């Protein structure tokens, strides 16, 4: 490479990193282009302007009408109802004047701004989504629930505590700031210790390379199915979401169903790992694990399950295996994992050329993306639930939400190496190469259409990371038999759905190999609705595709080079 090219790249990356630090990783070019696109097209749309003016007039009339009716009847029908997921105004205090009018005014204003930022001819879909999202963030910031003068629930709390809640809230704020500065986990997370209170399923580390540790779990039944099961978790977080507390551990449940379970535990990358790319994760991850499992168990067939990004990686590996005639996969399970990225949900707001350039500049100096930066993006996507409600309850109301295992796990993030994350976002999110038949593994194209192993695919109803409608598109990419399940809950809690948990439900429908596919709405009408945990459905599905139980295999195989390295959960999961 020309030395001048290296200097140019260094200067550009340094400048981009500086910009990223001041904009919290958001591309100012993207925001400016979106705002300009919206403003120009709105300015040349007199019809839309008239429509918005009429909408505003109607909303004020509805507000004035409600003001008159509510003055005579406290239970008068409101002018507008909050969205089903919006619980900010549930407290009865919001029905009392003048707070009822404040809340109604905010909700009507929120609805008007949604109309003002959508449906304008000529605005690109990406820019429209950015404008609608950005406007919603601003409105959420100035919501009446966030301010003392307009929040009757907060005022009542202050009176009840004699102002002590504000003192407690300030102390919580100082404590949280100190913990963040020191790199410590949030308050209460210390009660969930990896290997002691979470990630406690007994097992041994039987293989290790520079990227993964492979855990083989001890059998809990006298006999096991002859086909072991490999779990490929996402590398953005620690694997133990699938082995949380003993009562909600998917690993423990699977071993209790008579399966030999193997788990990949990812190394937490450092600067020296900057050049690990997506194919490194495939080769050193699931492919290395398949080789180890085959050698340890002597089996020719393996069930494989992938969660989130781990499911996407498993799909790529499975496509390459099908291309190369590798028939080891007895079945494939994808848990909240996308394989088609044209409609990735609101996470796609952060994915375009300008945004990726800023992101690459952020990673350039360190060689990785820190977990806090990705976690911040996820929090913004659900700012009502994860940001402003937390600020209100913790720092103004003075109360802390009790820490639970899932929250402690969520705070235990991992880094992502520069090469892998750049390639993943560019090739999959931005260019959608896997779905479009352009993705290459070892310089040869792979296609999901080559996969013929039966598939069990799970989407979750309230998934802000992998929307179930996007997950559902696997039906369009392969003719394999697919049993698709839509479960209640979100991206994490919907997957951790142990039998016996209250208020769990799911829909399920099987498509035979090469059978007809339906769009998400038609699928939902045709699917069977069931109460309870989808784990039970999956267990029955696995049993139907497994052989008769046999004596469990030994743990490890020293004679084949797979010695027992140590006890589960191993070393990599504890890397900070």
Protein backbone atom coordinates (compact mmCIF):
# COMPACT_ATOMS: atom_id res chain seq x y z
CA UNK A 1 0.00 0.00 0.00
CA UNK A 2 1.17 3.51 -0.80
CA UNK A 3 2.47 5.15 2.44
CA UNK A 4 0.37 8.18 1.62
CA UNK A 5 -2.77 6.01 1.61
CA UNK A 6 -1.95 4.88 5.15
CA UNK A 7 -1.55 8.49 6.30
CA UNK A 8 -4.82 9.49 4.65
CA UNK A 9 -6.67 6.61 6.28
CA UNK A 10 -5.18 7.37 9.69
CA UNK A 11 -6.14 11.05 9.48
CA UNK A 12 -9.67 10.25 8.31
CA UNK A 13 -10.21 7.61 10.99
CA UNK A 14 -8.85 9.90 13.72
CA UNK A 15 -11.16 12.70 12.60
CA UNK A 16 -14.11 10.31 12.47
CA UNK A 17 -13.33 9.01 15.96
CA UNK A 18 -13.26 12.58 17.28
CA UNK A 19 -16.66 13.29 15.75
CA UNK A 20 -18.03 10.04 17.15
CA UNK A 21 -16.98 10.99 20.68
CA UNK A 22 -18.94 14.24 20.50
CA UNK A 23 -22.05 12.73 18.89
CA UNK A 24 -22.24 9.55 21.01
CA UNK A 25 -21.47 7.45 17.95
CA UNK A 26 -24.23 8.90 15.75
CA UNK A 27 -23.38 10.20 12.28
CA UNK A 28 -24.17 13.94 12.00
CA UNK A 29 -24.25 13.51 8.22
CA UNK A 30 -27.04 10.95 8.47
CA UNK A 31 -29.08 13.16 10.80
CA UNK A 32 -28.53 16.24 8.62
CA UNK A 33 -29.46 14.41 5.42
CA UNK A 34 -32.59 12.97 7.01
CA UNK A 35 -33.70 16.36 8.32
CA UNK A 36 -33.00 18.08 5.01
CA UNK A 37 -34.80 15.38 3.00
CA UNK A 38 -37.84 15.70 5.24
CA UNK A 39 -37.89 19.53 5.33
CA UNK A 40 -37.47 19.99 1.56
CA UNK A 41 -40.20 17.53 0.63
CA UNK A 42 -42.58 18.83 3.27
CA UNK A 43 -41.98 22.40 2.03
CA UNK A 44 -43.00 21.41 -1.51
CA UNK A 45 -46.07 19.44 -0.38
CA UNK A 46 -48.90 21.97 0.12
CA UNK A 47 -51.44 19.17 0.35
CA UNK A 48 -49.59 17.58 3.25
CA UNK A 49 -49.26 20.96 4.93
CA UNK A 50 -53.01 21.55 4.67
CA UNK A 51 -53.64 18.06 6.01
CA UNK A 52 -51.35 18.65 8.99
CA UNK A 53 -53.01 21.99 9.70
CA UNK A 54 -56.41 20.35 9.64
CA UNK A 55 -55.16 17.55 11.89
CA UNK A 56 -53.87 20.05 14.41
CA UNK A 57 -57.18 21.93 14.41
CA UNK A 58 -59.12 18.70 14.94
CA UNK A 59 -56.84 17.66 17.78
CA UNK A 60 -57.31 20.96 19.58
CA UNK A 61 -61.07 20.61 19.14
CA UNK A 62 -60.90 17.11 20.64
CA UNK A 63 -58.84 18.44 23.54
CA UNK A 64 -61.26 21.32 24.20
CA UNK A 65 -64.20 18.92 23.99
CA UNK A 66 -62.54 16.60 26.49
CA UNK A 67 -61.77 19.54 28.79
CA UNK A 68 -65.46 20.44 28.88
CA UNK A 69 -66.67 16.87 29.41
CA UNK A 70 -64.07 16.04 32.07
CA UNK A 71 -64.98 19.16 34.07
CA UNK A 72 -68.44 17.66 34.51
CA UNK A 73 -67.48 13.98 34.65
CA UNK A 74 -64.10 12.80 35.99
CA UNK A 75 -64.57 9.50 34.14
CA UNK A 76 -65.27 11.11 30.77
CA UNK A 77 -63.97 9.24 27.73
CA UNK A 78 -60.52 10.65 26.92
CA UNK A 79 -59.76 12.28 23.59
CA UNK A 80 -56.98 9.77 22.93
CA UNK A 81 -55.76 6.55 24.50
CA UNK A 82 -52.05 5.80 24.99
CA UNK A 83 -50.53 3.08 22.82
CA UNK A 84 -50.87 -0.40 24.40
CA UNK A 85 -47.17 -0.50 25.37
CA UNK A 86 -47.25 3.02 26.90
CA UNK A 87 -47.92 2.80 30.64
CA UNK A 88 -46.69 6.24 31.66
CA UNK A 89 -50.19 7.53 32.42
CA UNK A 90 -51.71 4.46 34.09
CA UNK A 91 -51.87 5.99 37.58
CA UNK A 92 -55.35 7.41 38.44
CA UNK A 93 -53.69 10.73 39.34
CA UNK A 94 -53.40 11.44 35.61
CA UNK A 95 -57.20 11.60 35.41
CA UNK A 96 -57.34 14.58 37.75
CA UNK A 97 -57.25 18.18 36.43
CA UNK A 98 -55.09 19.78 35.24
CA UNK A 99 -52.90 16.69 34.73
CA UNK A 100 -55.50 14.94 32.60
CA UNK A 101 -55.32 17.80 30.10
CA UNK A 102 -51.51 17.80 30.22
CA UNK A 103 -51.40 14.08 29.46
CA UNK A 104 -54.02 14.29 26.72
CA UNK A 105 -52.28 17.26 25.13
CA UNK A 106 -48.98 15.36 25.09
CA UNK A 107 -50.52 12.25 23.52
CA UNK A 108 -52.31 14.27 20.84
CA UNK A 109 -49.12 16.19 20.11
CA UNK A 110 -47.20 12.92 19.88
CA UNK A 111 -49.72 11.56 17.39
CA UNK A 112 -49.55 14.75 15.30
CA UNK A 113 -45.76 14.64 15.08
CA UNK A 114 -45.91 11.06 13.88
CA UNK A 115 -48.19 12.22 11.05
CA UNK A 116 -45.86 15.15 10.36
CA UNK A 117 -42.80 12.95 9.92
CA UNK A 118 -44.35 10.12 7.89
CA UNK A 119 -46.20 9.82 4.62
CA UNK A 120 -44.43 12.68 2.82
CA UNK A 121 -43.87 11.98 -0.84
CA UNK A 122 -40.26 11.82 -1.99
CA UNK A 123 -38.68 11.20 1.43
CA UNK A 124 -36.61 8.01 1.48
CA UNK A 125 -37.87 5.31 3.81
CA UNK A 126 -34.63 5.36 5.80
CA UNK A 127 -34.81 9.13 6.32
CA UNK A 128 -38.49 8.94 7.22
CA UNK A 129 -37.75 6.30 9.87
CA UNK A 130 -34.91 8.42 11.27
CA UNK A 131 -37.11 11.52 11.50
CA UNK A 132 -39.99 9.67 13.14
CA UNK A 133 -37.61 8.01 15.59
CA UNK A 134 -35.70 11.22 16.41
CA UNK A 135 -38.90 13.18 16.95
CA UNK A 136 -40.19 10.46 19.27
CA UNK A 137 -36.97 10.64 21.31
CA UNK A 138 -37.33 14.42 21.72
CA UNK A 139 -40.97 14.09 22.70
CA UNK A 140 -40.13 11.34 25.20
CA UNK A 141 -37.53 13.61 26.77
CA UNK A 142 -40.11 16.36 27.32
CA UNK A 143 -42.93 14.03 28.35
CA UNK A 144 -44.83 15.38 31.38
CA UNK A 145 -43.89 12.26 33.34
CA UNK A 146 -40.26 13.40 33.42
CA UNK A 147 -40.81 16.76 35.10
CA UNK A 148 -41.79 17.60 38.66
CA UNK A 149 -44.15 20.44 37.78
CA UNK A 150 -46.26 18.25 35.48
CA UNK A 151 -46.11 14.82 37.17
CA UNK A 152 -48.73 14.34 39.93
CA UNK A 153 -47.37 10.90 40.83
CA UNK A 154 -43.93 12.35 41.55
CA UNK A 155 -45.46 15.25 43.50
CA UNK A 156 -47.41 12.78 45.64
CA UNK A 157 -44.25 10.74 46.25
CA UNK A 158 -42.38 13.83 47.42
CA UNK A 159 -45.18 14.75 49.84
CA UNK A 160 -45.41 11.20 51.18
CA UNK A 161 -41.68 10.99 51.85
CA UNK A 162 -41.17 14.57 52.94
CA UNK A 163 -38.72 15.04 50.08
CA UNK A 164 -36.58 12.07 51.16
CA UNK A 165 -37.17 10.42 47.78
CA UNK A 166 -35.21 13.21 46.08
CA UNK A 167 -32.34 12.77 48.53
CA UNK A 168 -32.38 9.00 47.95
CA UNK A 169 -32.56 9.54 44.22
CA UNK A 170 -29.58 11.88 44.27
CA UNK A 171 -27.59 9.31 46.25
CA UNK A 172 -28.58 6.65 43.71
CA UNK A 173 -27.36 8.92 40.91
CA UNK A 174 -24.00 9.53 42.59
CA UNK A 175 -23.58 5.81 43.29
CA UNK A 176 -24.39 4.86 39.70
CA UNK A 177 -22.02 7.48 38.31
CA UNK A 178 -19.22 6.24 40.55
CA UNK A 179 -19.82 2.64 39.52
CA UNK A 180 -19.82 3.58 35.85
CA UNK A 181 -16.61 5.58 36.23
CA UNK A 182 -14.93 2.63 37.98
CA UNK A 183 -16.22 0.11 35.45
CA UNK A 184 -18.25 -1.70 38.11
CA UNK A 185 -21.55 -3.53 37.44
CA UNK A 186 -24.85 -1.91 38.48
CA UNK A 187 -26.10 -2.10 42.03
CA UNK A 188 -27.27 -5.60 42.94
CA UNK A 189 -25.45 -7.37 40.10
CA UNK A 190 -22.83 -8.60 42.58
CA UNK A 191 -25.43 -11.07 43.89
CA UNK A 192 -25.30 -12.92 40.57
CA UNK A 193 -21.86 -14.49 40.37
CA UNK A 194 -20.96 -16.50 37.27
CA UNK A 195 -20.37 -20.10 38.29
CA UNK A 196 -21.99 -19.66 41.71
CA UNK A 197 -25.50 -18.25 41.28
CA UNK A 198 -25.75 -18.08 37.48
CA UNK A 199 -24.17 -20.34 34.84
CA UNK A 200 -24.18 -23.18 37.33
CA UNK A 201 -25.13 -26.19 35.18
CA UNK A 202 -22.41 -28.80 35.89
CA UNK A 203 -20.07 -29.52 33.03
CA UNK A 204 -16.50 -29.41 31.77
CA UNK A 205 -14.58 -27.33 29.27
CA UNK A 206 -13.39 -29.91 26.74
CA UNK A 207 -11.94 -27.71 24.01
CA UNK A 208 -10.42 -24.24 23.71
CA UNK A 209 -9.04 -22.11 20.89
CA UNK A 210 -8.32 -18.40 20.67
CA UNK A 211 -12.02 -17.59 20.20
CA UNK A 212 -14.14 -20.19 22.00
CA UNK A 213 -14.31 -22.60 24.89
CA UNK A 214 -16.56 -25.60 24.33
CA UNK A 215 -18.48 -26.76 27.40
CA UNK A 216 -19.85 -30.30 27.61
CA UNK A 217 -22.55 -30.58 30.27
CA UNK A 218 -22.93 -33.56 32.53
CA UNK A 219 -25.90 -35.84 31.78
CA UNK A 220 -28.76 -35.84 34.28
CA UNK A 221 -30.61 -38.85 32.89
CA UNK A 222 -29.56 -42.50 32.72
CA UNK A 223 -29.84 -42.50 28.94
CA UNK A 224 -29.53 -39.75 26.35
CA UNK A 225 -30.49 -39.25 22.74
CA UNK A 226 -27.70 -40.33 20.39
CA UNK A 227 -27.62 -36.91 18.73
CA UNK A 228 -25.90 -34.28 20.93
CA UNK A 229 -27.05 -30.66 20.79
CA UNK A 230 -24.71 -27.70 20.20
CA UNK A 231 -25.82 -24.21 21.27
CA UNK A 232 -24.24 -21.24 19.48
CA UNK A 233 -24.97 -18.09 21.53
CA UNK A 234 -24.57 -14.51 20.37
CA UNK A 235 -21.09 -13.11 20.86
CA UNK A 236 -22.37 -9.65 21.75
CA UNK A 237 -23.24 -10.94 25.24
CA UNK A 238 -22.12 -13.77 27.53
CA UNK A 239 -23.53 -17.22 26.76
CA UNK A 240 -25.17 -17.77 30.12
CA UNK A 241 -28.49 -16.18 29.25
CA UNK A 242 -29.20 -19.79 28.28
CA UNK A 243 -27.94 -21.01 31.66
CA UNK A 244 -29.18 -18.36 34.08
CA UNK A 245 -30.47 -19.40 37.48
CA UNK A 246 -31.10 -23.13 38.00
CA UNK A 247 -34.87 -22.69 37.70
CA UNK A 248 -34.77 -20.97 34.28
CA UNK A 249 -31.70 -22.57 32.71
CA UNK A 250 -32.33 -23.85 29.19
CA UNK A 251 -29.22 -26.01 29.51
CA UNK A 252 -30.51 -27.74 32.65
CA UNK A 253 -33.89 -28.25 31.02
CA UNK A 254 -32.35 -29.83 27.92
CA UNK A 255 -30.13 -32.19 29.89
CA UNK A 256 -33.23 -33.12 31.89
CA UNK A 257 -34.92 -34.06 28.62
CA UNK A 258 -32.14 -36.54 27.88
CA UNK A 259 -29.83 -34.55 25.60
CA UNK A 260 -26.06 -34.27 25.62
CA UNK A 261 -25.60 -30.51 25.50
CA UNK A 262 -22.54 -28.60 24.31
CA UNK A 263 -22.24 -24.81 24.61
CA UNK A 264 -19.92 -22.34 22.91
CA UNK A 265 -18.51 -19.70 25.25
CA UNK A 266 -16.97 -16.81 23.32
CA UNK A 267 -13.69 -15.11 24.15
CA UNK A 268 -14.09 -11.41 25.03
CA UNK A 269 -11.97 -9.75 22.30
CA UNK A 270 -9.17 -7.27 23.02
CA UNK A 271 -7.18 -5.00 20.72
CA UNK A 272 -5.00 -7.86 19.51
CA UNK A 273 -8.13 -9.56 18.12
CA UNK A 274 -9.03 -6.66 15.80
CA UNK A 275 -8.49 -8.77 12.64
CA UNK A 276 -10.85 -11.61 13.63
CA UNK A 277 -13.52 -11.47 10.92
CA UNK A 278 -16.87 -13.11 10.39
CA UNK A 279 -15.33 -16.20 8.82
CA UNK A 280 -12.96 -16.50 11.79
CA UNK A 281 -16.06 -16.74 13.98
CA UNK A 282 -17.49 -19.44 11.70
CA UNK A 283 -14.32 -21.51 11.53
CA UNK A 284 -13.19 -21.14 15.13
CA UNK A 285 -16.76 -21.20 16.45
CA UNK A 286 -19.40 -23.67 15.27
CA UNK A 287 -17.19 -25.53 12.77
CA UNK A 288 -14.49 -26.18 15.37
CA UNK A 289 -17.22 -27.19 17.83
CA UNK A 290 -18.78 -29.65 15.36
CA UNK A 291 -15.40 -31.31 14.84
CA UNK A 292 -14.83 -31.59 18.59
CA UNK A 293 -18.33 -32.95 19.26
CA UNK A 294 -18.02 -35.56 16.51
CA UNK A 295 -14.69 -36.72 17.92
CA UNK A 296 -15.89 -36.79 21.55
CA UNK A 297 -19.24 -38.49 21.01
CA UNK A 298 -18.48 -40.51 17.89
CA UNK A 299 -21.79 -39.41 16.42
CA UNK A 300 -22.44 -38.58 12.78
CA UNK A 301 -25.40 -36.29 13.50
CA UNK A 302 -25.69 -33.19 15.69
CA UNK A 303 -28.64 -30.93 16.55
CA UNK A 304 -27.59 -27.26 16.47
CA UNK A 305 -29.31 -24.21 17.96
CA UNK A 306 -28.25 -20.58 17.52
CA UNK A 307 -29.46 -17.56 19.46
CA UNK A 308 -29.54 -14.03 17.97
CA UNK A 309 -26.26 -13.39 16.11
CA UNK A 310 -25.28 -16.95 16.94
CA UNK A 311 -28.26 -18.11 14.91
CA UNK A 312 -27.21 -15.97 11.96
CA UNK A 313 -23.71 -17.44 12.16
CA UNK A 314 -25.15 -20.95 12.43
CA UNK A 315 -27.21 -20.29 9.29
CA UNK A 316 -24.08 -19.29 7.38
CA UNK A 317 -22.22 -22.34 8.66
CA UNK A 318 -25.15 -24.61 7.75
CA UNK A 319 -25.32 -23.16 4.23
CA UNK A 320 -21.59 -23.74 3.75
CA UNK A 321 -21.91 -27.29 5.10
CA UNK A 322 -24.78 -28.01 2.71
CA UNK A 323 -22.75 -26.63 -0.18
CA UNK A 324 -19.78 -28.81 0.73
CA UNK A 325 -21.77 -32.01 1.31
CA UNK A 326 -21.29 -31.99 5.10
CA UNK A 327 -24.38 -33.82 6.41
CA UNK A 328 -23.72 -33.69 10.15
CA UNK A 329 -26.70 -31.43 10.97
CA UNK A 330 -29.65 -33.46 12.23
CA UNK A 331 -31.67 -30.27 12.75
CA UNK A 332 -31.26 -26.50 12.99
CA UNK A 333 -32.93 -24.27 15.59
CA UNK A 334 -32.84 -20.48 15.24
CA UNK A 335 -33.82 -18.41 18.29
CA UNK A 336 -34.67 -14.76 17.52
CA UNK A 337 -32.13 -14.85 14.70
CA UNK A 338 -32.34 -12.96 11.41
CA UNK A 339 -31.20 -14.30 8.07
CA UNK A 340 -32.78 -11.55 5.94
CA UNK A 341 -31.99 -7.95 6.81
CA UNK A 342 -34.00 -5.74 4.46
CA UNK A 343 -36.36 -4.89 7.34
CA UNK A 344 -34.28 -5.24 10.52
CA UNK A 345 -36.52 -3.02 12.64
CA UNK A 346 -35.42 0.14 14.40
CA UNK A 347 -31.87 -1.16 14.77
CA UNK A 348 -31.62 -0.41 11.05
CA UNK A 349 -31.78 3.29 11.93
CA UNK A 350 -28.12 3.02 12.90
CA UNK A 351 -27.07 1.26 9.71
CA UNK A 352 -26.16 3.23 6.59
CA UNK A 353 -22.89 4.14 4.87
CA UNK A 354 -22.32 7.29 6.90
CA UNK A 355 -23.20 5.63 10.19
CA UNK A 356 -20.95 2.66 9.48
CA UNK A 357 -18.07 4.99 8.66
CA UNK A 358 -18.46 6.65 12.07
CA UNK A 359 -18.75 3.27 13.76
CA UNK A 360 -15.61 1.98 12.05
CA UNK A 361 -13.75 5.09 13.16
CA UNK A 362 -14.86 4.44 16.74
CA UNK A 363 -13.49 0.89 16.56
CA UNK A 364 -10.35 1.81 14.62
CA UNK A 365 -8.23 3.09 17.50
CA UNK A 366 -9.11 0.37 20.00
CA UNK A 367 -9.64 -2.49 17.59
CA UNK A 368 -13.08 -3.34 19.02
CA UNK A 369 -16.51 -1.95 19.81
CA UNK A 370 -17.15 -1.72 23.52
CA UNK A 371 -20.29 -3.35 24.87
CA UNK A 372 -21.47 -0.10 26.45
CA UNK A 373 -21.67 1.54 23.03
CA UNK A 374 -23.87 -1.19 21.58
CA UNK A 375 -25.88 -1.33 24.80
CA UNK A 376 -26.54 2.39 24.51
CA UNK A 377 -28.04 1.87 21.06
CA UNK A 378 -30.40 -0.80 22.42
CA UNK A 379 -31.43 1.49 25.26
CA UNK A 380 -32.28 4.30 22.85
CA UNK A 381 -34.54 1.93 20.91
CA UNK A 382 -36.64 1.49 24.06
CA UNK A 383 -36.00 4.82 25.74
CA UNK A 384 -39.37 4.86 27.53
CA UNK A 385 -38.73 1.52 29.22
CA UNK A 386 -34.95 1.58 29.62
CA UNK A 387 -34.02 5.24 30.04
CA UNK A 388 -36.73 7.65 31.16
CA UNK A 389 -38.70 5.25 33.34
CA UNK A 390 -35.39 4.35 35.02
CA UNK A 391 -34.53 8.02 35.56
CA UNK A 392 -37.98 8.71 37.01
CA UNK A 393 -38.15 5.72 39.34
CA UNK A 394 -34.53 5.69 40.48
CA UNK A 395 -33.40 9.31 40.57
CA UNK A 396 -36.68 11.15 41.24
CA UNK A 397 -38.90 8.62 43.01
CA UNK A 398 -35.86 7.35 44.91
CA UNK A 399 -36.66 3.66 44.42
CA UNK A 400 -34.47 0.99 42.85
CA UNK A 401 -35.88 -1.84 40.78
CA UNK A 402 -34.70 -5.09 42.36
CA UNK A 403 -31.90 -6.71 40.38
CA UNK A 404 -32.78 -10.01 38.72
CA UNK A 405 -30.62 -12.56 36.93
CA UNK A 406 -31.62 -11.38 33.44
CA UNK A 407 -30.76 -7.76 34.28
CA UNK A 408 -27.40 -8.79 35.76
CA UNK A 409 -26.62 -10.81 32.63
CA UNK A 410 -27.59 -7.85 30.43
CA UNK A 411 -25.03 -5.69 32.22
CA UNK A 412 -22.27 -8.25 31.59
CA UNK A 413 -21.47 -7.36 27.99
CA UNK A 414 -18.68 -8.29 25.62
CA UNK A 415 -16.65 -6.47 23.00
CA UNK A 416 -16.72 -7.07 19.26
CA UNK A 417 -13.58 -7.05 17.12
CA UNK A 418 -13.15 -4.40 14.45
CA UNK A 419 -13.01 -6.70 11.42
CA UNK A 420 -15.93 -8.94 12.40
CA UNK A 421 -18.32 -6.15 13.37
CA UNK A 422 -17.55 -4.04 10.31
CA UNK A 423 -18.02 -7.04 8.03
CA UNK A 424 -21.19 -8.20 9.77
CA UNK A 425 -22.88 -4.80 9.53
CA UNK A 426 -21.76 -4.17 5.95
CA UNK A 427 -22.30 -7.60 4.38
CA UNK A 428 -25.45 -8.60 6.24
CA UNK A 429 -27.27 -5.52 7.56
CA UNK A 430 -26.38 -3.05 4.82
CA UNK A 431 -25.97 -5.24 1.72
CA UNK A 432 -28.15 -8.21 2.77
CA UNK A 433 -25.74 -10.53 0.97
CA UNK A 434 -26.92 -13.75 2.65
CA UNK A 435 -30.52 -13.35 1.51
CA UNK A 436 -29.57 -12.10 -1.95
CA UNK A 437 -27.27 -15.03 -2.74
CA UNK A 438 -24.09 -12.96 -2.71
CA UNK A 439 -22.49 -14.14 0.53
CA UNK A 440 -19.22 -15.99 0.06
CA UNK A 441 -17.51 -18.43 2.39
CA UNK A 442 -13.96 -19.33 1.43
CA UNK A 443 -14.39 -17.46 -1.87
CA UNK A 444 -17.45 -19.48 -2.91
CA UNK A 445 -21.06 -18.38 -2.67
CA UNK A 446 -23.35 -20.02 -0.13
CA UNK A 447 -27.13 -20.05 -0.20
CA UNK A 448 -29.68 -20.90 2.46
CA UNK A 449 -31.68 -22.65 -0.27
CA UNK A 450 -29.16 -25.51 -0.07
CA UNK A 451 -30.16 -26.31 3.53
CA UNK A 452 -32.41 -29.37 3.79
CA UNK A 453 -32.14 -30.12 7.51
CA UNK A 454 -35.44 -29.55 9.37
CA UNK A 455 -35.61 -26.17 11.09
CA UNK A 456 -37.30 -24.92 14.26
CA UNK A 457 -37.42 -21.12 14.21
CA UNK A 458 -38.53 -18.91 17.12
CA UNK A 459 -39.56 -15.26 16.94
CA UNK A 460 -40.70 -13.11 19.85
CA UNK A 461 -43.67 -10.75 19.80
CA UNK A 462 -41.95 -7.64 21.21
CA UNK A 463 -38.49 -8.01 19.73
CA UNK A 464 -36.73 -4.67 19.14
CA UNK A 465 -33.51 -6.38 17.98
CA UNK A 466 -34.80 -9.06 15.59
CA UNK A 467 -38.47 -8.29 14.75
CA UNK A 468 -40.38 -11.52 14.31
CA UNK A 469 -41.63 -10.48 10.88
CA UNK A 470 -37.98 -10.29 9.79
CA UNK A 471 -37.12 -13.63 11.43
CA UNK A 472 -40.13 -15.14 9.65
CA UNK A 473 -38.55 -14.41 6.24
CA UNK A 474 -36.49 -17.60 6.55
CA UNK A 475 -39.54 -19.19 4.88
CA UNK A 476 -38.64 -17.33 1.68
CA UNK A 477 -34.98 -18.38 1.67
CA UNK A 478 -35.07 -22.16 1.98
CA UNK A 479 -37.38 -25.00 1.05
CA UNK A 480 -36.46 -26.98 4.16
CA UNK A 481 -39.14 -28.10 6.59
CA UNK A 482 -39.75 -25.19 8.99
CA UNK A 483 -41.66 -25.20 12.25
CA UNK A 484 -42.07 -21.52 13.11
CA UNK A 485 -43.01 -20.48 16.63
CA UNK A 486 -43.99 -16.99 17.77
CA UNK A 487 -43.74 -16.60 21.54
CA UNK A 488 -44.80 -13.86 23.91
CA UNK A 489 -42.12 -11.60 25.37
CA UNK A 490 -39.15 -9.79 23.94
CA UNK A 491 -35.76 -10.63 22.50
CA UNK A 492 -34.36 -11.96 25.79
CA UNK A 493 -37.28 -12.73 28.11
CA UNK A 494 -39.20 -14.40 25.30
CA UNK A 495 -36.41 -16.94 24.86
CA UNK A 496 -35.89 -17.51 28.60
CA UNK A 497 -39.37 -18.97 28.97
CA UNK A 498 -39.14 -21.99 31.23
CA UNK A 499 -42.18 -24.25 31.73
CA UNK A 500 -44.37 -23.12 34.60
CA UNK A 501 -43.85 -19.39 34.13
CA UNK A 502 -47.16 -17.53 34.26
CA UNK A 503 -48.77 -15.73 31.32
CA UNK A 504 -46.68 -17.42 28.64
CA UNK A 505 -48.18 -18.26 25.25
CA UNK A 506 -47.09 -18.97 21.71
CA UNK A 507 -48.29 -19.67 18.18
CA UNK A 508 -46.86 -22.49 16.08
CA UNK A 509 -47.24 -23.71 12.51
CA UNK A 510 -45.25 -26.29 10.57
CA UNK A 511 -44.43 -25.87 6.90
CA UNK A 512 -43.54 -29.09 5.19
CA UNK A 513 -40.43 -29.22 3.01
CA UNK A 514 -41.04 -27.26 -0.21
CA UNK A 515 -44.52 -26.39 1.04
CA UNK A 516 -46.30 -23.04 0.61
CA UNK A 517 -45.24 -19.99 2.62
CA UNK A 518 -47.44 -17.26 4.06
CA UNK A 519 -46.76 -13.67 4.94
CA UNK A 520 -46.63 -12.91 8.69
CA UNK A 521 -50.27 -11.82 9.02
CA UNK A 522 -51.57 -14.88 7.13
CA UNK A 523 -49.22 -17.11 9.10
CA UNK A 524 -50.58 -15.73 12.39
CA UNK A 525 -54.17 -16.45 11.32
CA UNK A 526 -53.31 -20.04 10.41
CA UNK A 527 -51.01 -20.87 13.36
CA UNK A 528 -52.24 -22.76 16.41
CA UNK A 529 -52.40 -20.68 19.60
CA UNK A 530 -51.17 -22.43 22.72
CA UNK A 531 -50.61 -21.50 26.37
CA UNK A 532 -47.37 -22.21 28.17
CA UNK A 533 -43.71 -22.41 27.27
CA UNK A 534 -42.45 -22.93 23.72
CA UNK A 535 -39.65 -25.03 25.24
CA UNK A 536 -42.11 -27.93 25.51
CA UNK A 537 -43.00 -27.61 21.82
CA UNK A 538 -39.32 -27.59 20.92
CA UNK A 539 -38.63 -30.59 23.14
CA UNK A 540 -41.30 -32.65 21.36
CA UNK A 541 -39.94 -31.50 17.99
CA UNK A 542 -36.39 -32.56 18.90
CA UNK A 543 -37.58 -35.93 20.20
CA UNK A 544 -39.32 -36.66 16.89
CA UNK A 545 -36.04 -36.08 15.06
CA UNK A 546 -33.79 -38.02 17.43
CA UNK A 547 -32.90 -41.67 17.83
CA UNK A 548 -33.73 -43.99 20.68
CA UNK A 549 -31.92 -43.19 23.97
CA UNK A 550 -28.52 -44.77 24.61
CA UNK A 551 -25.91 -44.66 27.37
CA UNK A 552 -24.44 -41.15 27.67
CA UNK A 553 -21.00 -40.51 26.14
CA UNK A 554 -17.98 -39.80 28.30
CA UNK A 555 -17.05 -36.20 28.93
CA UNK A 556 -14.10 -35.28 26.76
CA UNK A 557 -11.89 -37.67 24.80
CA UNK A 558 -8.26 -37.47 25.98
CA UNK A 559 -7.20 -40.19 23.56
CA UNK A 560 -8.33 -37.93 20.70
CA UNK A 561 -6.79 -34.76 22.10
CA UNK A 562 -9.89 -33.42 23.86
CA UNK A 563 -8.79 -33.29 27.47
CA UNK A 564 -10.90 -31.85 30.27
CA UNK A 565 -9.50 -28.33 30.63
CA UNK A 566 -11.53 -27.31 33.65
CA UNK A 567 -14.97 -27.01 35.17
CA UNK A 568 -17.84 -25.09 33.60
CA UNK A 569 -18.42 -22.22 33.13
CA UNK A 570 -14.76 -21.93 32.12
CA UNK A 571 -12.43 -18.96 31.80
CA UNK A 572 -13.67 -16.99 28.79
CA UNK A 573 -17.06 -16.15 30.30
CA UNK A 574 -15.30 -14.42 33.21
CA UNK A 575 -13.13 -12.18 31.03
CA UNK A 576 -13.76 -8.49 31.59
